[in-house]
Structures are given as C-alpha cells and as structure tokens.
C-alpha cells in the first residue's frame, strides 16, 4: 500500500509533461486471492485510491483443479460466485459499474502443477459463460489467444486459433495475444508476425458477408457461358483484390514452385522480416530528458 502514492506521482509527472489529466492516465488493478477471499492489502489499496477519487479494480483468475474445483461445473460455479461478489464490490465504490461476466481461467496440469491456457477446458467454459450471459442479459468476455508453447510450433498456432475462434463464436470477440509464448513469459518478434497473419485471416473469415452485387454476378456467369472461365475477365480483375485474402507469410504456391523458390516456410519468412526490421529500426525516445529525471527521482524517493 505504501507504493500507491509514488505510483500516482509517476502518473502526475507524466500528465504534467503531456497536458493530460490524472484520471485519463491512471488505473489500478489488483486480484482476488482465490478462492473467495479478498485480502487486507487489496482492501487498503481500494480505500486509499477511493479517498482520492481514483479507480481501482479487482479481478480474479481461478485455477481449475487448484483454487477451484476440477470439474466443469465446479469451476463454473466458483467463477460465477467470485464475479458476483466483485460486481457488488465495484458497484459499492462506483454505482455506474456495469454487470458483465468473464470466462478467463487457468487449468492446472495435474502431472506438473503448472498453469495452462492452451487446453480445451478454457474454451469449454466459454460456452458455459456465453449461456450465462444470455441468461443474465449481460456482456461476456472470453479469454483467448494465448498458448502454452515455448517456441514457434503447430501447438502455438493451434491453441491461439482455436481459442480465438471459440471466443468469437460464443462471446462475440476473439483476440490474439500477438507475439506471446509460454502463456506470457516469452515474447517473440517472429511469433508476432505469425500471429499477425493468423489475426488477418480470422478477420477475413469473420468479415461481413457481401452479397449486394448479385445482378453483376449473374451477368458475369452468363457472359462466360457453359465451358467458359473467369480467370481473365474484367469482373475478376476489378474484384479479386477485395474478394480474396492476400497472404503475407502463408503459402500461395504449388509444391513445385515452392521448391524452386527456396522452400521457405512461414516461420523462416517471418524470421527474415523480423531481422530486417531490427536491422533498420532506429528507436526514438518517448519521454523527454526532463521527464525521465523526474520519474527517476520519484522512484529513488520511493525506494528510500
């Protein structure tokens, strides 16, 4: 709790340099000590910030088989109970707090004791909480887009893709945590580019269906006629860039052409792009020297 004041001072210093208000820069988040326990330090911090009219939010991250029961019903019931409590807690401080649900959990691997995000359990819970959201008539946030893989692999892509698609279909929003591996312990610039390709294809997959030009379509088919083709028609030339997704890394060649041009995989191409960017990148400071001195002084004072 003693760190609350210097944290606010850091944001005040930033606000003074940028002309922004403190409330636009500052937000504090703590976490429930699951299961079903709000610890004294978080209570002290919430009250400290509330006295200064600054928000602090309390989240939670139950673990299936750890701080919550191992069964689907068990984790769903405890997760819902904690979220009901947190909603009432936040509403007591801020009456306009909206009621919403979240299905973010971790699953404990019973052989290693490690938390895992890439398992299907989190996705199954998304289906449960989507139904709860319909029951309560509220928004639902489904965790997605992370992986347990520690390196570039099929595991990483599959876990991120399946969780993002499940979240999109059940809760209306699927996200990819770009570049992250090993939950969030590793950040890879190569994975960042691979995830960008995945996000682009999912964006194209879930794009609004465009079926407004049916008269033009019928005319195009009639002009080609039986036995005709559409590869070189004006209609194709005018529409293919908008109609077809354009890969940056994924394969667009038949095997013979791929072999003759170096046999580069998507990961190899992404690595080349990442290295080229790193070589050409020239960092620019985002804060002035005066602001840096002020921030360092606040940190040193808090350390003393």
Protein backbone atom coordinates (compact mmCIF):
# COMPACT_ATOMS: atom_id res chain seq x y z
CA UNK A 1 0.00 0.00 0.00
CA UNK A 2 2.94 2.29 0.60
CA UNK A 3 3.64 2.20 -3.13
CA UNK A 4 0.25 3.72 -4.03
CA UNK A 5 1.42 7.31 -3.56
CA UNK A 6 4.60 7.11 -5.70
CA UNK A 7 2.62 5.32 -8.43
CA UNK A 8 0.21 8.24 -8.54
CA UNK A 9 3.14 10.68 -8.53
CA UNK A 10 4.59 8.94 -11.62
CA UNK A 11 1.31 9.43 -13.46
CA UNK A 12 1.05 13.04 -12.29
CA UNK A 13 4.53 13.70 -13.68
CA UNK A 14 3.50 12.18 -16.99
CA UNK A 15 0.33 14.26 -17.03
CA UNK A 16 2.27 17.46 -16.38
CA UNK A 17 4.51 16.75 -19.38
CA UNK A 18 1.69 15.78 -21.76
CA UNK A 19 -1.11 18.07 -20.60
CA UNK A 20 -3.35 15.11 -19.73
CA UNK A 21 -5.50 14.71 -16.63
CA UNK A 22 -4.56 12.18 -13.96
CA UNK A 23 -7.84 10.27 -14.35
CA UNK A 24 -7.02 9.72 -18.04
CA UNK A 25 -3.64 8.17 -17.20
CA UNK A 26 -4.17 6.20 -14.03
CA UNK A 27 -5.91 2.90 -13.39
CA UNK A 28 -5.04 0.37 -10.70
CA UNK A 29 -5.83 -3.33 -10.78
CA UNK A 30 -5.50 -5.93 -8.04
CA UNK A 31 -6.52 -9.57 -7.85
CA UNK A 32 -8.67 -11.62 -5.54
CA UNK A 33 -6.75 -14.22 -3.57
CA UNK A 34 -8.87 -17.04 -4.92
CA UNK A 35 -10.80 -18.93 -3.70
CA UNK A 36 -13.37 -16.48 -2.38
CA UNK A 37 -11.02 -14.24 -0.43
CA UNK A 38 -10.35 -10.51 -0.70
CA UNK A 39 -7.10 -9.87 1.13
CA UNK A 40 -6.40 -6.97 3.52
CA UNK A 41 -3.77 -5.25 1.27
CA UNK A 42 -6.20 -5.01 -1.65
CA UNK A 43 -8.86 -3.58 0.68
CA UNK A 44 -6.41 -0.96 1.97
CA UNK A 45 -5.41 -0.02 -1.57
CA UNK A 46 -9.00 0.29 -2.80
CA UNK A 47 -9.82 2.62 0.11
CA UNK A 48 -6.64 4.67 -0.44
CA UNK A 49 -7.49 5.27 -4.09
CA UNK A 50 -11.21 5.83 -3.38
CA UNK A 51 -10.34 8.66 -0.97
CA UNK A 52 -8.61 10.36 -3.93
CA UNK A 53 -11.43 9.53 -6.37
CA UNK A 54 -9.20 7.21 -8.39
CA UNK A 55 -10.41 3.83 -9.65
CA UNK A 56 -9.03 0.51 -8.56
CA UNK A 57 -10.48 -2.67 -9.94
CA UNK A 58 -10.22 -6.18 -8.52
CA UNK A 59 -10.00 -9.08 -10.91
CA UNK A 60 -9.62 -12.80 -10.34
CA UNK A 61 -8.05 -15.77 -12.06
CA UNK A 62 -9.31 -19.06 -10.63
CA UNK A 63 -7.34 -22.19 -11.46
CA UNK A 64 -9.21 -25.36 -12.35
CA UNK A 65 -8.03 -28.09 -10.00
CA UNK A 66 -6.08 -25.55 -7.91
CA UNK A 67 -8.05 -22.75 -6.29
CA UNK A 68 -11.31 -24.03 -7.82
CA UNK A 69 -12.89 -27.49 -8.22
CA UNK A 70 -11.53 -29.54 -11.09
CA UNK A 71 -14.86 -30.31 -12.79
CA UNK A 72 -16.52 -28.06 -15.38
CA UNK A 73 -19.49 -27.46 -13.09
CA UNK A 74 -17.21 -26.77 -10.13
CA UNK A 75 -15.04 -24.17 -11.87
CA UNK A 76 -18.13 -22.51 -13.42
CA UNK A 77 -19.92 -22.16 -10.05
CA UNK A 78 -16.91 -20.76 -8.18
CA UNK A 79 -16.01 -18.39 -11.05
CA UNK A 80 -19.57 -17.05 -11.15
CA UNK A 81 -19.68 -16.64 -7.36
CA UNK A 82 -16.46 -14.62 -7.30
CA UNK A 83 -17.65 -12.42 -10.17
CA UNK A 84 -20.97 -11.71 -8.44
CA UNK A 85 -19.02 -10.60 -5.36
CA UNK A 86 -16.61 -8.45 -7.38
CA UNK A 87 -19.50 -6.77 -9.18
CA UNK A 88 -21.12 -5.80 -5.87
CA UNK A 89 -17.75 -4.63 -4.53
CA UNK A 90 -17.10 -2.37 -7.54
CA UNK A 91 -20.67 -1.08 -7.56
CA UNK A 92 -20.29 -0.02 -3.93
CA UNK A 93 -17.43 2.28 -4.97
CA UNK A 94 -18.79 3.25 -8.42
CA UNK A 95 -22.58 2.94 -8.86
CA UNK A 96 -22.34 3.05 -12.66
CA UNK A 97 -20.31 -0.20 -12.78
CA UNK A 98 -21.83 -2.46 -15.47
CA UNK A 99 -22.61 -6.11 -14.81
CA UNK A 100 -20.61 -8.39 -17.07
CA UNK A 101 -19.05 -11.84 -16.97
CA UNK A 102 -15.67 -13.29 -17.88
CA UNK A 103 -14.61 -16.89 -18.53
CA UNK A 104 -10.87 -16.39 -18.05
CA UNK A 105 -9.40 -19.30 -16.08
CA UNK A 106 -6.22 -21.33 -15.99
CA UNK A 107 -6.12 -25.11 -15.85
CA UNK A 108 -3.66 -26.82 -13.54
CA UNK A 109 -1.70 -29.65 -15.18
CA UNK A 110 -2.03 -32.50 -12.70
CA UNK A 111 1.33 -34.03 -13.65
CA UNK A 112 3.44 -30.85 -13.38
CA UNK A 113 1.33 -28.46 -11.31
CA UNK A 114 1.81 -25.79 -13.99
CA UNK A 115 -0.93 -23.33 -15.06
CA UNK A 116 -2.04 -23.79 -18.68
CA UNK A 117 -4.07 -21.60 -21.03
CA UNK A 118 -3.92 -23.68 -24.20
CA UNK A 119 -6.05 -26.59 -23.04
CA UNK A 120 -9.66 -27.07 -24.23
CA UNK A 121 -11.07 -26.50 -20.73
CA UNK A 122 -10.98 -22.72 -21.06
CA UNK A 123 -12.84 -22.97 -24.34
CA UNK A 124 -15.49 -25.23 -22.82
CA UNK A 125 -16.01 -22.66 -20.08
CA UNK A 126 -16.57 -20.03 -22.79
CA UNK A 127 -19.65 -21.99 -23.91
CA UNK A 128 -20.93 -22.10 -20.32
CA UNK A 129 -20.44 -18.36 -19.73
CA UNK A 130 -21.96 -17.47 -23.09
CA UNK A 131 -25.14 -19.21 -21.88
CA UNK A 132 -24.90 -17.38 -18.54
CA UNK A 133 -24.54 -14.09 -20.41
CA UNK A 134 -27.74 -14.80 -22.31
CA UNK A 135 -29.47 -15.74 -19.04
CA UNK A 136 -28.40 -12.53 -17.28
CA UNK A 137 -28.62 -10.34 -20.40
CA UNK A 138 -25.07 -9.03 -20.00
CA UNK A 139 -21.83 -8.89 -21.94
CA UNK A 140 -19.32 -11.74 -21.64
CA UNK A 141 -15.57 -11.60 -22.09
CA UNK A 142 -13.91 -14.88 -23.08
CA UNK A 143 -10.17 -15.32 -22.62
CA UNK A 144 -8.37 -16.34 -25.80
CA UNK A 145 -5.27 -16.06 -27.95
CA UNK A 146 -2.59 -17.39 -25.58
CA UNK A 147 -0.51 -20.55 -25.82
CA UNK A 148 1.46 -22.84 -23.55
CA UNK A 149 4.03 -23.48 -26.33
CA UNK A 150 7.53 -22.18 -25.58
CA UNK A 151 8.67 -21.94 -29.21
CA UNK A 152 7.28 -21.49 -32.72
CA UNK A 153 5.20 -24.59 -33.39
CA UNK A 154 1.92 -26.08 -34.53
CA UNK A 155 0.94 -26.08 -30.84
CA UNK A 156 1.24 -22.28 -30.65
CA UNK A 157 -0.82 -21.60 -33.76
CA UNK A 158 -3.49 -24.19 -33.00
CA UNK A 159 -4.04 -23.06 -29.41
CA UNK A 160 -4.27 -19.40 -30.34
CA UNK A 161 -6.54 -20.02 -33.32
CA UNK A 162 -8.99 -22.43 -31.66
CA UNK A 163 -9.40 -20.25 -28.57
CA UNK A 164 -9.88 -17.07 -30.62
CA UNK A 165 -12.49 -18.72 -32.86
CA UNK A 166 -14.34 -20.17 -29.86
CA UNK A 167 -14.39 -16.78 -28.13
CA UNK A 168 -15.62 -15.06 -31.29
CA UNK A 169 -18.45 -17.55 -31.81
CA UNK A 170 -19.58 -17.69 -28.17
CA UNK A 171 -18.90 -14.21 -26.76
CA UNK A 172 -18.65 -12.05 -29.88
CA UNK A 173 -14.96 -11.15 -29.56
CA UNK A 174 -11.90 -13.31 -30.09
CA UNK A 175 -8.41 -11.91 -29.55
CA UNK A 176 -4.86 -12.99 -30.41
CA UNK A 177 -2.18 -12.06 -27.88
CA UNK A 178 0.37 -11.34 -30.58
CA UNK A 179 3.95 -12.49 -30.04
CA UNK A 180 3.42 -14.17 -26.68
CA UNK A 181 4.55 -17.71 -25.92
CA UNK A 182 4.71 -19.75 -22.71
CA UNK A 183 1.48 -18.07 -21.50
CA UNK A 184 3.02 -14.57 -21.34
CA UNK A 185 6.59 -15.27 -20.19
CA UNK A 186 8.13 -15.17 -23.69
CA UNK A 187 7.72 -12.56 -26.42
CA UNK A 188 8.98 -13.49 -29.87
CA UNK A 189 9.09 -10.99 -32.77
CA UNK A 190 8.84 -13.97 -35.15
CA UNK A 191 5.71 -15.22 -33.37
CA UNK A 192 4.39 -11.64 -33.52
CA UNK A 193 4.46 -11.77 -37.32
CA UNK A 194 2.96 -15.26 -37.42
CA UNK A 195 0.17 -14.15 -35.08
CA UNK A 196 -0.47 -11.12 -37.25
CA UNK A 197 -1.03 -13.46 -40.21
CA UNK A 198 -3.41 -15.52 -38.08
CA UNK A 199 -5.31 -12.43 -36.91
CA UNK A 200 -5.61 -11.19 -40.50
CA UNK A 201 -7.06 -14.46 -41.72
CA UNK A 202 -9.53 -14.64 -38.81
CA UNK A 203 -10.56 -11.06 -39.51
CA UNK A 204 -11.22 -12.05 -43.14
CA UNK A 205 -13.02 -15.22 -42.07
CA UNK A 206 -15.42 -13.32 -39.81
CA UNK A 207 -15.90 -10.33 -42.12
CA UNK A 208 -19.43 -9.32 -43.06
CA UNK A 209 -20.76 -11.31 -45.99
CA UNK A 210 -21.06 -9.11 -49.11
CA UNK A 211 -23.83 -10.30 -51.42
CA UNK A 212 -25.08 -6.99 -52.81
CA UNK A 213 -23.90 -7.37 -56.43
CA UNK A 214 -25.98 -10.39 -57.47
CA UNK A 215 -27.10 -8.78 -60.73
CA UNK A 216 -23.45 -8.31 -61.73
CA UNK A 217 -22.69 -11.87 -60.68
CA UNK A 218 -25.46 -13.27 -62.88
CA UNK A 219 -24.24 -11.18 -65.82
CA UNK A 220 -20.64 -12.42 -65.27
CA UNK A 221 -21.73 -16.06 -65.23
CA UNK A 222 -23.93 -15.59 -68.30
CA UNK A 223 -21.11 -13.89 -70.25
CA UNK A 224 -18.66 -16.74 -69.54
CA UNK A 225 -21.32 -19.27 -70.52
CA UNK A 226 -21.10 -23.07 -70.37
CA UNK A 227 -17.49 -24.20 -70.51
CA UNK A 228 -16.18 -20.67 -70.01
CA UNK A 229 -13.86 -19.39 -67.32
CA UNK A 230 -13.42 -16.34 -65.11
CA UNK A 231 -9.64 -16.12 -64.72
CA UNK A 232 -9.10 -13.24 -67.13
CA UNK A 233 -12.47 -11.47 -67.14
CA UNK A 234 -12.85 -7.79 -66.33
CA UNK A 235 -15.09 -8.72 -63.39
CA UNK A 236 -12.27 -10.76 -61.83
CA UNK A 237 -9.71 -8.03 -62.46
CA UNK A 238 -11.94 -5.41 -60.82
CA UNK A 239 -12.90 -7.51 -57.77
CA UNK A 240 -10.19 -10.03 -56.85
CA UNK A 241 -8.21 -7.70 -54.55
CA UNK A 242 -11.29 -7.06 -52.45
CA UNK A 243 -12.77 -10.56 -52.72
CA UNK A 244 -9.64 -12.58 -51.96
CA UNK A 245 -7.49 -12.53 -48.83
CA UNK A 246 -3.83 -11.67 -49.53
CA UNK A 247 -1.25 -13.74 -47.57
CA UNK A 248 1.93 -12.17 -46.27
CA UNK A 249 3.56 -15.36 -44.99
CA UNK A 250 1.32 -18.31 -45.72
CA UNK A 251 1.93 -20.42 -48.80
CA UNK A 252 0.49 -19.28 -52.13
CA UNK A 253 2.33 -21.67 -54.48
CA UNK A 254 2.01 -25.26 -55.62
CA UNK A 255 4.72 -27.59 -54.35
CA UNK A 256 6.90 -27.46 -57.49
CA UNK A 257 7.01 -23.66 -57.48
CA UNK A 258 7.68 -23.60 -53.73
CA UNK A 259 10.60 -25.99 -54.11
CA UNK A 260 12.08 -23.97 -56.96
CA UNK A 261 11.98 -20.69 -54.99
CA UNK A 262 13.84 -21.82 -51.87
CA UNK A 263 11.29 -23.94 -49.92
CA UNK A 264 10.81 -21.19 -47.28
CA UNK A 265 8.30 -21.87 -44.52
CA UNK A 266 6.14 -19.21 -42.93
CA UNK A 267 8.36 -19.18 -39.81
CA UNK A 268 11.51 -18.72 -41.90
CA UNK A 269 9.95 -15.83 -43.81
CA UNK A 270 8.78 -14.26 -40.55
CA UNK A 271 12.28 -14.56 -39.08
CA UNK A 272 13.76 -12.83 -42.13
CA UNK A 273 11.25 -9.98 -41.79
CA UNK A 274 11.92 -9.62 -38.06
CA UNK A 275 15.69 -9.47 -38.58
CA UNK A 276 15.32 -6.94 -41.42
CA UNK A 277 13.13 -4.75 -39.21
CA UNK A 278 15.59 -4.99 -36.31
CA UNK A 279 18.47 -4.02 -38.58
CA UNK A 280 16.67 -0.95 -39.94
CA UNK A 281 14.93 0.13 -36.73
CA UNK A 282 16.07 3.37 -35.11
CA UNK A 283 14.43 3.85 -31.70
CA UNK A 284 13.11 7.24 -30.68
CA UNK A 285 12.69 8.30 -27.04
CA UNK A 286 9.05 8.63 -25.95
CA UNK A 287 9.82 10.86 -22.96
CA UNK A 288 12.00 13.92 -22.59
CA UNK A 289 15.20 14.00 -20.53
CA UNK A 290 13.50 16.31 -18.02
CA UNK A 291 10.60 13.89 -17.56
CA UNK A 292 12.99 10.96 -17.21
CA UNK A 293 14.90 12.78 -14.43
CA UNK A 294 11.63 13.48 -12.61
CA UNK A 295 10.46 9.88 -12.89
CA UNK A 296 13.80 8.53 -11.66
CA UNK A 297 13.70 10.92 -8.71
CA UNK A 298 10.23 9.67 -7.71
CA UNK A 299 11.40 6.05 -7.95
CA UNK A 300 14.51 6.73 -5.83
CA UNK A 301 12.43 8.53 -3.22
CA UNK A 302 10.02 5.59 -3.03
CA UNK A 303 12.98 3.21 -2.68
CA UNK A 304 14.25 5.14 0.34
